Amino acid sequence: MDYKNEYHLWYPPLEGLIPWYCQLVVRNGLWSIGSFMLQLLKETSELDMSAKSELYSHLVALTEFLLEASSGAISAKMERGEEHKGLLNEYWSRRDALLDSLYQQVKGFVEAGYQDLTDSTEESKEGILIKLSSSLLSTAKRHEAYQTMWNICCDLDDSGLLRNLMHESVGPRSGFSCFVFKQLYEKKQYSKLLRLGEEFQEELSIFLNHHRDLLWLHELFLHQFSEASETLHNLALSQDEGTNLTTEDDDADHANPVPTLADRRQILNLSKIAAFAGKDAGSQTKVKRIEADLKILRLQEEIMVVLPTDDSKQHVDKHLLRPEELIEMCLKSGSRELALQVFDVFAWTSSSFRKSHRHLLEECWKNAADQDHWSELYQASITEGWSDEETLQQLSQTMLFLASNRCYGPKAEIIEEGFDEVLPLRQENVEVAGSKGTRSSVEAILMQHRDFPYAGKLMLTAIMLGSVQDDIKIEEGLSPMV
């Protein structure tokens, strides 16, 4: 090592060539010596502190030499464009083993009260640790030994030193700051993690992109309210497990539990508040979208009342259903109320959802037509001779009327384009658009119903009246029959 230090600069190595002291045989030889010295320090209790100190000093010098040799070999490989992953793994494993053992020896010196290594005999343990670990910390910084750097900062309880190292140590793997963030997150010290975001705003934003359960809090701190709203919105609707809001009080065995429906509703409400605070051009649209998702979530909670107590009910209670799953479950329930609410789900999703699930929408209309006894209604209208007012009064209670009012009525609340773009009410509207044979309509669906041959006019009247009624009120001069 002394020969290398004295003569290696006489003839600097050419680019891409590995210096003699970086060759594999030299590195392995130094590692063998270093491993033996580590074993001596760990297992030989008979050595006095002076001998241990001398052995420790030699091991520090050897560690620095070995790490520099490994670093030089890696640099030469990279300059030649050769594979160097194996060298990197060797470098990292030997670095961590040596520096961790050396730091444990430093802590042993401090605990034993061995103060001959310091200039003063009246210093605290923290002061002794600072002096004994300073050279080791410098080596750790040069070689990106983040675990050793972290251990020293934690043992000294020095947040100032930690922040300085985070500023100074920026490596290819996101630097020391990312390592610190990861340690704090894994230890569930979330308040400390978020406070570091005051000084390392961009770095923490990058880290938290993989931890959305905390990202929204950092975005709120940065006054990025719209972004926080979007993060919360996605978090509430995520199908992934472990997407619940994180707290430091969570039990280690139940960290990030699967969010319940009540949890998701809470997250959506937070998203809505953040959207209001954003006050950007699209905030009202975002709020409308969030409110629609809240309604869909509420519908899933209402299904819990209808479903029998079995495994499927427990699944619905613990997992967020996709809109199509929710609709199919409503159809299977046989509930008249849920038969109407499926149209709300379609209205509260999006145009793309309605287009991609048009067949399911058609099934909902078939189910709606089956909710009433149209043959009996037809016979009653003939026998009793319903007037226009009586016809409207009777039909306004039918599922076809109510579904039409919710989907096509004047006050229908629909996200994006209306139902006419996917499923027009009348077949004549399809034919006028020039798409005959390629698109269906509510009328075409009803024509397939078993009661349509004699009650068809009454069924069509129900959907047409429902589409024009405002708050289900009778309008004068409106003919009920089509």
Protein backbone atom coordinates (compact mmCIF):
# COMPACT_ATOMS: atom_id res chain seq x y z
CA MET A 1 0.00 0.00 0.00
CA ASP A 2 2.89 2.36 0.79
CA TYR A 3 4.53 1.53 -2.56
CA LYS A 4 1.33 2.32 -4.39
CA ASN A 5 0.85 5.61 -2.55
CA GLU A 6 4.41 6.66 -3.36
CA TYR A 7 4.79 5.56 -6.97
CA HIS A 8 1.39 5.16 -8.59
CA LEU A 9 1.37 8.70 -9.99
CA TRP A 10 4.73 8.37 -11.72
CA TYR A 11 3.05 6.78 -14.72
CA PRO A 12 -0.69 7.54 -14.62
CA PRO A 13 -2.72 4.68 -16.18
CA LEU A 14 -4.08 5.14 -19.67
CA GLU A 15 -7.84 5.52 -20.07
CA GLY A 16 -9.60 2.18 -19.98
CA LEU A 17 -6.65 0.27 -18.48
CA ILE A 18 -6.88 -1.22 -15.01
CA PRO A 19 -3.94 -0.14 -12.78
CA TRP A 20 -1.95 -2.96 -11.17
CA TYR A 21 -3.30 -2.19 -7.72
CA CYS A 22 -6.88 -2.57 -9.04
CA GLN A 23 -6.36 -6.05 -10.47
CA LEU A 24 -8.47 -8.93 -9.20
CA VAL A 25 -5.58 -10.73 -7.52
CA VAL A 26 -4.69 -7.59 -5.56
CA ARG A 27 -8.30 -6.92 -4.54
CA ASN A 28 -8.86 -10.50 -3.41
CA GLY A 29 -5.60 -10.52 -1.48
CA LEU A 30 -6.49 -7.31 0.33
CA TRP A 31 -9.98 -8.65 1.07
CA SER A 32 -8.52 -11.83 2.58
CA ILE A 33 -6.25 -9.78 4.85
CA GLY A 34 -9.08 -7.45 5.78
CA SER A 35 -11.42 -10.34 6.60
CA PHE A 36 -8.78 -11.87 8.87
CA MET A 37 -8.27 -8.55 10.65
CA LEU A 38 -12.03 -8.19 11.12
CA GLN A 39 -12.16 -11.64 12.67
CA LEU A 40 -9.32 -10.73 15.03
CA LEU A 41 -11.12 -7.59 16.17
CA LYS A 42 -14.38 -9.44 16.77
CA GLU A 43 -13.13 -12.60 18.44
CA THR A 44 -9.89 -11.72 20.23
CA SER A 45 -10.82 -10.45 23.67
CA GLU A 46 -7.29 -10.88 25.06
CA LEU A 47 -5.95 -7.95 23.07
CA ASP A 48 -5.58 -4.78 25.09
CA MET A 49 -7.19 -1.58 23.86
CA SER A 50 -3.88 -0.23 22.55
CA ALA A 51 -3.37 -3.29 20.33
CA LYS A 52 -6.98 -3.14 19.17
CA SER A 53 -6.54 0.53 18.34
CA GLU A 54 -3.48 -0.20 16.24
CA LEU A 55 -5.22 -3.08 14.46
CA TYR A 56 -8.22 -0.82 13.86
CA SER A 57 -6.00 1.90 12.30
CA HIS A 58 -4.41 -0.61 9.92
CA LEU A 59 -7.83 -1.92 8.95
CA VAL A 60 -9.05 1.63 8.20
CA ALA A 61 -6.09 2.18 5.86
CA LEU A 62 -6.61 -1.19 4.19
CA THR A 63 -10.34 -0.48 3.75
CA GLU A 64 -9.62 2.82 2.04
CA PHE A 65 -7.07 1.15 -0.26
CA LEU A 66 -9.40 -1.76 -1.14
CA LEU A 67 -12.37 0.49 -1.88
CA GLU A 68 -10.26 2.76 -4.08
CA ALA A 69 -8.97 -0.30 -5.94
CA SER A 70 -12.50 -1.61 -6.54
CA SER A 71 -13.67 1.84 -7.64
CA GLY A 72 -10.76 2.08 -10.09
CA ALA A 73 -11.54 -1.31 -11.60
CA ILE A 74 -15.19 -0.34 -12.07
CA SER A 75 -14.23 2.97 -13.72
CA ALA A 76 -11.94 1.18 -16.17
CA LYS A 77 -14.67 -1.29 -17.08
CA MET A 78 -17.15 1.53 -17.64
CA GLU A 79 -14.68 3.43 -19.85
CA ARG A 80 -14.34 0.35 -22.05
CA GLY A 81 -18.09 -0.17 -22.12
CA GLU A 82 -17.81 -3.62 -20.55
CA GLU A 83 -20.20 -5.39 -18.18
CA HIS A 84 -19.42 -4.37 -14.61
CA LYS A 85 -22.43 -5.49 -12.59
CA GLY A 86 -20.46 -8.24 -10.88
CA LEU A 87 -17.75 -5.76 -9.89
CA LEU A 88 -20.37 -3.41 -8.49
CA ASN A 89 -21.90 -6.14 -6.34
CA GLU A 90 -18.46 -7.10 -5.06
CA TYR A 91 -17.67 -3.46 -4.29
CA TRP A 92 -20.95 -2.83 -2.46
CA SER A 93 -20.86 -6.01 -0.36
CA ARG A 94 -17.22 -5.55 0.72
CA ARG A 95 -17.73 -1.85 1.39
CA ASP A 96 -20.75 -2.44 3.62
CA ALA A 97 -19.12 -5.32 5.49
CA LEU A 98 -15.90 -3.39 6.21
CA LEU A 99 -17.43 -0.04 7.12
CA ASP A 100 -20.15 -1.56 9.27
CA SER A 101 -17.59 -3.60 11.22
CA LEU A 102 -15.32 -0.60 11.62
CA TYR A 103 -18.19 1.48 12.95
CA GLN A 104 -19.10 -1.23 15.44
CA GLN A 105 -15.49 -1.10 16.69
CA VAL A 106 -15.75 2.68 17.07
CA LYS A 107 -18.89 2.27 19.17
CA GLY A 108 -17.08 -0.35 21.22
CA PHE A 109 -14.23 2.06 21.92
CA VAL A 110 -16.70 4.71 23.03
CA GLU A 111 -18.61 2.35 25.32
CA ALA A 112 -15.39 1.09 26.89
CA GLY A 113 -14.42 4.64 27.71
CA TYR A 114 -11.22 4.37 25.71
CA GLN A 115 -10.24 8.01 25.55
CA ASP A 116 -6.54 7.71 24.70
CA LEU A 117 -7.54 8.16 21.08
CA THR A 118 -8.77 11.66 21.83
CA ASP A 119 -7.00 14.81 22.94
CA SER A 120 -9.28 15.37 25.92
CA THR A 121 -10.29 13.05 28.76
CA GLU A 122 -13.31 15.02 29.81
CA GLU A 123 -15.49 14.77 26.71
CA SER A 124 -18.94 13.21 26.53
CA LYS A 125 -19.57 9.98 24.69
CA GLU A 126 -21.16 11.98 21.87
CA GLY A 127 -18.02 14.09 21.55
CA ILE A 128 -15.81 11.01 21.51
CA LEU A 129 -18.05 9.36 18.92
CA ILE A 130 -17.86 12.43 16.70
CA LYS A 131 -14.05 12.42 16.76
CA LEU A 132 -13.64 8.68 16.33
CA SER A 133 -16.17 8.44 13.51
CA SER A 134 -15.14 11.53 11.54
CA SER A 135 -12.60 9.75 9.31
CA LEU A 136 -14.96 6.82 8.88
CA LEU A 137 -17.75 9.21 7.88
CA SER A 138 -15.49 10.79 5.24
CA THR A 139 -14.76 7.37 3.75
CA ALA A 140 -18.46 6.49 3.81
CA LYS A 141 -19.30 9.73 1.96
CA ARG A 142 -16.69 9.09 -0.74
CA HIS A 143 -17.97 5.59 -1.36
CA GLU A 144 -21.70 6.22 -0.87
CA ALA A 145 -21.98 3.90 2.14
CA TYR A 146 -25.38 5.29 3.05
CA GLN A 147 -26.13 2.75 5.76
CA THR A 148 -23.02 3.74 7.71
CA MET A 149 -23.77 7.43 7.23
CA TRP A 150 -27.31 6.86 8.48
CA ASN A 151 -26.14 4.90 11.53
CA ILE A 152 -23.68 7.62 12.54
CA CYS A 153 -26.31 10.36 12.23
CA CYS A 154 -28.85 8.32 14.22
CA ASP A 155 -26.40 7.50 17.01
CA LEU A 156 -25.37 11.14 17.26
CA ASP A 157 -29.02 12.25 16.98
CA ASP A 158 -27.74 15.06 14.78
CA SER A 159 -30.40 16.22 12.32
CA GLY A 160 -28.15 19.05 11.14
CA LEU A 161 -25.43 16.59 10.12
CA LEU A 162 -28.05 14.43 8.42
CA ARG A 163 -29.36 17.33 6.34
CA ASN A 164 -25.84 18.43 5.37
CA LEU A 165 -25.01 14.92 4.18
CA MET A 166 -28.26 14.80 2.20
CA HIS A 167 -27.24 17.99 0.41
CA GLU A 168 -23.67 16.83 -0.22
CA SER A 169 -24.23 13.19 -1.18
CA VAL A 170 -25.96 12.91 -4.52
CA GLY A 171 -25.29 9.53 -6.12
CA PRO A 172 -26.48 7.57 -9.15
CA ARG A 173 -29.18 5.85 -7.08
CA SER A 174 -30.98 9.07 -6.08
CA GLY A 175 -28.40 9.90 -3.45
CA PHE A 176 -28.42 9.86 0.33
CA SER A 177 -31.67 11.82 0.55
CA CYS A 178 -33.63 8.97 -1.06
CA PHE A 179 -32.00 6.49 1.32
CA VAL A 180 -33.03 8.63 4.30
CA PHE A 181 -36.60 8.92 3.00
CA LYS A 182 -36.79 5.15 2.63
CA GLN A 183 -35.49 4.54 6.15
CA LEU A 184 -38.00 6.94 7.69
CA TYR A 185 -40.86 5.49 5.67
CA GLU A 186 -40.03 1.93 6.65
CA LYS A 187 -39.73 2.95 10.30
CA LYS A 188 -43.12 4.73 9.98
CA GLN A 189 -41.61 8.04 11.09
CA TYR A 190 -43.86 9.91 8.68
CA SER A 191 -43.83 13.26 10.45
CA LYS A 192 -40.03 13.41 10.27
CA LEU A 193 -40.16 12.36 6.63
CA LEU A 194 -42.63 15.10 5.70
CA ARG A 195 -40.70 17.74 7.62
CA LEU A 196 -37.66 16.97 5.48
CA GLY A 197 -39.87 17.91 2.53
CA GLU A 198 -39.66 21.53 3.63
CA GLU A 199 -35.96 21.53 2.69
CA PHE A 200 -35.90 18.79 0.05
CA GLN A 201 -39.10 19.50 -1.82
CA GLU A 202 -38.27 18.09 -5.24
CA GLU A 203 -36.42 15.05 -3.88
CA LEU A 204 -39.30 14.09 -1.60
CA SER A 205 -41.83 14.57 -4.42
CA ILE A 206 -39.89 12.07 -6.54
CA PHE A 207 -39.71 9.58 -3.67
CA LEU A 208 -43.38 9.90 -2.74
CA ASN A 209 -44.48 9.23 -6.31
CA HIS A 210 -44.19 5.60 -5.23
CA HIS A 211 -45.97 6.22 -1.93
CA ARG A 212 -49.23 7.99 -2.75
CA ASP A 213 -50.52 7.46 0.78
CA LEU A 214 -48.23 10.34 1.81
CA LEU A 215 -47.75 12.19 -1.48
CA TRP A 216 -50.96 14.20 -1.08
CA LEU A 217 -49.74 15.66 2.25
CA HIS A 218 -46.53 16.88 0.63
CA GLU A 219 -48.52 18.34 -2.26
CA LEU A 220 -50.72 20.22 0.20
CA PHE A 221 -47.60 21.63 1.86
CA LEU A 222 -46.43 22.83 -1.57
CA HIS A 223 -49.89 24.40 -2.12
CA GLN A 224 -50.41 22.06 -5.07
CA PHE A 225 -54.06 21.57 -4.21
CA SER A 226 -55.21 20.33 -7.61
CA GLU A 227 -52.44 17.72 -7.65
CA ALA A 228 -53.32 16.67 -4.10
CA SER A 229 -56.95 16.29 -5.12
CA GLU A 230 -55.98 14.11 -8.06
CA THR A 231 -53.70 11.97 -5.86
CA LEU A 232 -56.46 11.46 -3.29
CA HIS A 233 -59.01 10.72 -5.98
CA ASN A 234 -56.83 8.01 -7.50
CA LEU A 235 -56.04 6.66 -4.04
CA ALA A 236 -59.73 6.36 -3.17
CA LEU A 237 -60.53 4.42 -6.34
CA SER A 238 -57.41 2.25 -6.41
CA GLN A 239 -57.97 -1.49 -6.66
CA ASP A 240 -54.54 -2.17 -5.11
CA GLU A 241 -54.29 -3.45 -1.58
CA GLY A 242 -52.49 -1.28 0.96
CA THR A 243 -53.72 2.04 -0.47
CA ASN A 244 -55.26 3.32 2.74
CA LEU A 245 -54.13 6.62 4.24
CA THR A 246 -51.03 5.97 6.35
CA THR A 247 -50.71 6.98 9.99
CA GLU A 248 -47.91 6.53 12.50
CA ASP A 249 -50.34 4.78 14.88
CA ASP A 250 -50.88 1.83 12.53
CA ASP A 251 -49.87 -1.51 14.02
CA ALA A 252 -46.81 -2.94 12.30
CA ASP A 253 -48.77 -6.10 11.42
CA HIS A 254 -51.62 -4.08 9.91
CA ALA A 255 -49.78 -1.26 8.14
CA ASN A 256 -51.65 0.15 5.14
CA PRO A 257 -54.71 -2.07 5.57
CA VAL A 258 -57.16 -2.53 2.72
CA PRO A 259 -59.38 0.57 2.87
CA THR A 260 -63.03 -0.02 3.68
CA LEU A 261 -65.84 1.72 1.83
CA ALA A 262 -66.03 4.24 4.69
CA ASP A 263 -62.28 4.92 4.31
CA ARG A 264 -62.70 5.50 0.59
CA ARG A 265 -65.57 7.90 1.19
CA GLN A 266 -63.38 9.86 3.61
CA ILE A 267 -60.57 10.03 1.05
CA LEU A 268 -62.98 11.21 -1.66
CA ASN A 269 -64.26 13.96 0.62
CA LEU A 270 -60.68 15.08 1.24
CA SER A 271 -60.13 15.08 -2.53
CA LYS A 272 -63.22 17.25 -2.96
CA ILE A 273 -61.98 19.78 -0.39
CA ALA A 274 -58.58 19.93 -2.10
CA ALA A 275 -60.26 20.47 -5.47
CA PHE A 276 -62.22 23.42 -4.08
CA ALA A 277 -58.99 24.86 -2.65
CA GLY A 278 -57.27 24.53 -6.04
CA LYS A 279 -59.57 27.11 -7.67
CA ASP A 280 -58.19 26.36 -11.13
CA ALA A 281 -60.09 26.34 -14.40
CA GLY A 282 -61.10 22.68 -14.12
CA SER A 283 -61.91 22.57 -10.41
CA GLN A 284 -65.69 22.49 -10.93
CA THR A 285 -65.37 19.58 -13.34
CA LYS A 286 -63.17 17.74 -10.85
CA VAL A 287 -65.67 18.33 -8.06
CA LYS A 288 -68.49 17.01 -10.23
CA ARG A 289 -66.47 13.88 -11.02
CA ILE A 290 -65.67 13.31 -7.32
CA GLU A 291 -69.32 13.77 -6.33
CA ALA A 292 -70.31 11.20 -8.96
CA ASP A 293 -67.83 8.70 -7.52
CA LEU A 294 -69.19 9.38 -4.05
CA LYS A 295 -72.67 8.50 -5.31
CA ILE A 296 -71.41 5.27 -6.86
CA LEU A 297 -69.69 4.41 -3.59
CA ARG A 298 -72.88 5.13 -1.68
CA LEU A 299 -74.76 2.77 -3.99
CA GLN A 300 -72.34 -0.03 -3.18
CA GLU A 301 -73.03 0.59 0.51
CA GLU A 302 -76.77 0.40 -0.16
CA ILE A 303 -76.32 -2.96 -1.85
CA MET A 304 -75.06 -4.28 1.48
CA VAL A 305 -78.61 -3.99 2.83
CA VAL A 306 -80.05 -6.09 0.00
CA LEU A 307 -77.44 -8.84 -0.19
CA PRO A 308 -77.74 -11.90 2.06
CA THR A 309 -75.06 -12.44 4.69
CA ASP A 310 -72.51 -14.64 2.95
CA ASP A 311 -69.01 -14.53 1.48
CA SER A 312 -70.11 -12.30 -1.40
CA LYS A 313 -71.42 -9.71 1.04
CA GLN A 314 -68.11 -9.68 2.90
CA HIS A 315 -66.30 -9.23 -0.42
CA VAL A 316 -68.49 -6.24 -1.32
CA ASP A 317 -67.93 -4.72 2.10
CA LYS A 318 -64.14 -4.94 1.92
CA HIS A 319 -63.40 -4.33 -1.76
CA LEU A 320 -64.29 -1.56 -4.16
CA LEU A 321 -66.33 -2.92 -7.04
CA ARG A 322 -65.74 -1.75 -10.57
CA PRO A 323 -68.79 0.01 -12.06
CA GLU A 324 -69.61 -2.93 -14.32
CA GLU A 325 -69.39 -5.33 -11.35
CA LEU A 326 -71.70 -3.09 -9.37
CA ILE A 327 -74.24 -2.98 -12.20
CA GLU A 328 -74.19 -6.75 -12.67
CA MET A 329 -74.69 -7.27 -8.94
CA CYS A 330 -77.68 -4.91 -8.97
CA LEU A 331 -79.22 -6.85 -11.85
CA LYS A 332 -78.72 -10.18 -10.08
CA SER A 333 -80.20 -8.88 -6.81
CA GLY A 334 -83.74 -8.79 -8.24
CA SER A 335 -84.37 -5.54 -6.34
CA ARG A 336 -86.70 -3.06 -8.01
CA GLU A 337 -84.90 -0.11 -6.43
CA LEU A 338 -81.48 -1.31 -7.60
CA ALA A 339 -82.92 -1.95 -11.06
CA LEU A 340 -83.39 1.82 -11.31
CA GLN A 341 -80.10 2.78 -9.69
CA VAL A 342 -78.03 0.95 -12.30
CA PHE A 343 -78.84 3.82 -14.66
CA ASP A 344 -77.33 6.21 -12.13
CA VAL A 345 -74.08 4.26 -12.29
CA PHE A 346 -74.01 4.65 -16.07
CA ALA A 347 -74.80 8.36 -15.73
CA TRP A 348 -72.06 8.91 -13.13
CA THR A 349 -69.24 7.14 -14.96
CA SER A 350 -68.23 8.50 -18.39
CA SER A 351 -69.07 8.49 -22.07
CA SER A 352 -66.31 5.98 -22.77
CA PHE A 353 -67.71 3.62 -20.14
CA ARG A 354 -71.21 3.83 -21.58
CA LYS A 355 -69.91 3.16 -25.09
CA SER A 356 -67.72 0.23 -24.07
CA HIS A 357 -70.52 -1.31 -21.97
CA ARG A 358 -73.47 -0.64 -24.28
CA HIS A 359 -74.52 -4.29 -24.19
CA LEU A 360 -74.74 -4.10 -20.38
CA LEU A 361 -76.81 -0.91 -20.71
CA GLU A 362 -79.22 -2.76 -23.01
CA GLU A 363 -79.55 -5.52 -20.40
CA CYS A 364 -80.47 -2.86 -17.84
CA TRP A 365 -83.31 -1.63 -20.07
CA LYS A 366 -84.56 -5.19 -20.56
CA ASN A 367 -84.52 -5.64 -16.79
CA ALA A 368 -86.35 -2.33 -16.30
CA ALA A 369 -89.09 -3.45 -18.69
CA ASP A 370 -89.53 -6.65 -16.68
CA GLN A 371 -90.18 -4.78 -13.43
CA ASP A 372 -93.83 -4.01 -14.32
CA HIS A 373 -96.75 -6.15 -15.50
CA TRP A 374 -97.40 -4.47 -18.81
CA SER A 375 -100.12 -6.86 -19.85
CA GLU A 376 -102.13 -5.95 -16.73
CA LEU A 377 -101.48 -2.23 -17.26
CA TYR A 378 -102.67 -2.53 -20.85
CA GLN A 379 -105.87 -4.34 -19.85
CA ALA A 380 -106.54 -1.75 -17.13
CA SER A 381 -106.10 1.13 -19.59
CA ILE A 382 -108.64 -0.45 -21.95
CA THR A 383 -111.10 -1.50 -19.29
CA GLU A 384 -110.98 1.73 -17.28
CA GLY A 385 -110.53 4.03 -20.26
CA TRP A 386 -107.65 6.07 -18.86
CA SER A 387 -107.59 9.77 -19.65
CA ASP A 388 -104.31 11.53 -20.47
CA GLU A 389 -103.90 12.56 -16.85
CA GLU A 390 -104.65 9.06 -15.57
CA THR A 391 -102.27 7.56 -18.10
CA LEU A 392 -99.46 9.82 -16.94
CA GLN A 393 -100.27 9.10 -13.32
CA GLN A 394 -100.16 5.33 -13.87
CA LEU A 395 -97.09 5.30 -16.11
CA SER A 396 -95.09 7.64 -13.86
CA GLN A 397 -94.78 4.75 -11.38
CA THR A 398 -93.33 2.35 -13.94
CA MET A 399 -89.64 1.57 -14.13
CA LEU A 400 -89.45 2.52 -17.81
CA PHE A 401 -90.79 6.01 -17.05
CA LEU A 402 -88.41 6.51 -14.11
CA ALA A 403 -85.37 5.18 -16.00
CA SER A 404 -86.14 7.38 -19.00
CA ASN A 405 -86.47 10.42 -16.74
CA ARG A 406 -83.10 9.72 -15.10
CA CYS A 407 -81.28 9.12 -18.38
CA TYR A 408 -83.01 11.50 -20.82
CA GLY A 409 -85.04 13.88 -18.66
CA PRO A 410 -84.50 17.66 -18.55
CA LYS A 411 -82.73 17.46 -15.20
CA ALA A 412 -80.76 14.27 -15.79
CA GLU A 413 -77.33 14.49 -14.14
CA ILE A 414 -74.89 12.93 -16.57
CA ILE A 415 -71.09 13.05 -16.75
CA GLU A 416 -69.85 14.09 -20.22
CA GLU A 417 -72.04 13.26 -23.26
CA GLY A 418 -75.64 12.14 -22.82
CA PHE A 419 -77.17 8.71 -23.36
CA ASP A 420 -78.37 9.70 -26.84
CA GLU A 421 -74.78 9.29 -28.09
CA VAL A 422 -74.83 5.62 -27.09
CA LEU A 423 -78.48 4.51 -26.98
CA PRO A 424 -81.15 6.88 -28.38
CA LEU A 425 -84.71 6.53 -27.13
CA ARG A 426 -86.41 6.11 -30.53
CA GLN A 427 -85.32 3.93 -33.42
CA GLU A 428 -86.22 6.71 -35.84
CA ASN A 429 -83.41 8.83 -34.35
CA VAL A 430 -80.95 6.08 -35.22
CA GLU A 431 -82.21 5.86 -38.78
CA VAL A 432 -82.08 9.63 -39.29
CA ALA A 433 -78.45 9.59 -38.19
CA GLY A 434 -77.73 7.16 -41.01
CA SER A 435 -76.49 4.35 -38.78
CA LYS A 436 -79.36 1.90 -39.23
CA GLY A 437 -78.27 -1.63 -38.42
CA THR A 438 -75.20 -0.57 -36.46
CA ARG A 439 -76.82 0.99 -33.41
CA SER A 440 -79.69 0.01 -31.19
CA SER A 441 -82.21 2.12 -29.29
CA VAL A 442 -84.43 1.81 -26.24
CA GLU A 443 -87.40 1.36 -28.56
CA ALA A 444 -85.66 -1.50 -30.39
CA ILE A 445 -84.95 -3.18 -27.05
CA LEU A 446 -88.58 -2.86 -25.95
CA MET A 447 -89.76 -4.33 -29.22
CA GLN A 448 -88.19 -7.61 -28.11
CA HIS A 449 -90.30 -7.70 -24.92
CA ARG A 450 -92.98 -10.39 -24.71
CA ASP A 451 -95.71 -7.82 -23.96
CA PHE A 452 -94.76 -5.40 -26.74
CA PRO A 453 -97.20 -6.74 -29.40
CA TYR A 454 -100.19 -5.40 -27.42
CA ALA A 455 -98.66 -3.09 -24.75
CA GLY A 456 -95.93 -1.60 -26.96
CA LYS A 457 -97.67 1.74 -27.40
CA LEU A 458 -98.03 2.08 -23.65
CA MET A 459 -94.35 1.18 -23.08
CA LEU A 460 -93.17 3.73 -25.64
CA THR A 461 -95.44 6.34 -24.09
CA ALA A 462 -93.80 5.69 -20.72
CA ILE A 463 -90.27 6.33 -21.98
CA MET A 464 -91.30 9.38 -24.01
CA LEU A 465 -93.19 10.96 -21.11
CA GLY A 466 -90.28 10.24 -18.79
CA SER A 467 -87.86 11.97 -21.13
CA VAL A 468 -89.78 15.26 -21.11
CA GLN A 469 -91.10 15.46 -17.56
CA ASP A 470 -89.54 18.06 -15.26
CA ASP A 471 -89.63 16.80 -11.67
CA ILE A 472 -92.30 14.30 -12.76
CA LYS A 473 -94.94 17.01 -13.26
CA ILE A 474 -97.81 16.91 -15.80
CA GLU A 475 -97.53 19.37 -18.64
CA GLU A 476 -100.73 20.61 -20.18
CA GLY A 477 -101.48 19.57 -23.74
CA LEU A 478 -99.01 16.69 -23.67
CA SER A 479 -100.42 13.59 -25.31
CA PRO A 480 -99.47 10.42 -23.48
CA MET A 481 -99.73 8.13 -26.48
CA VAL A 482 -97.10 7.88 -29.20
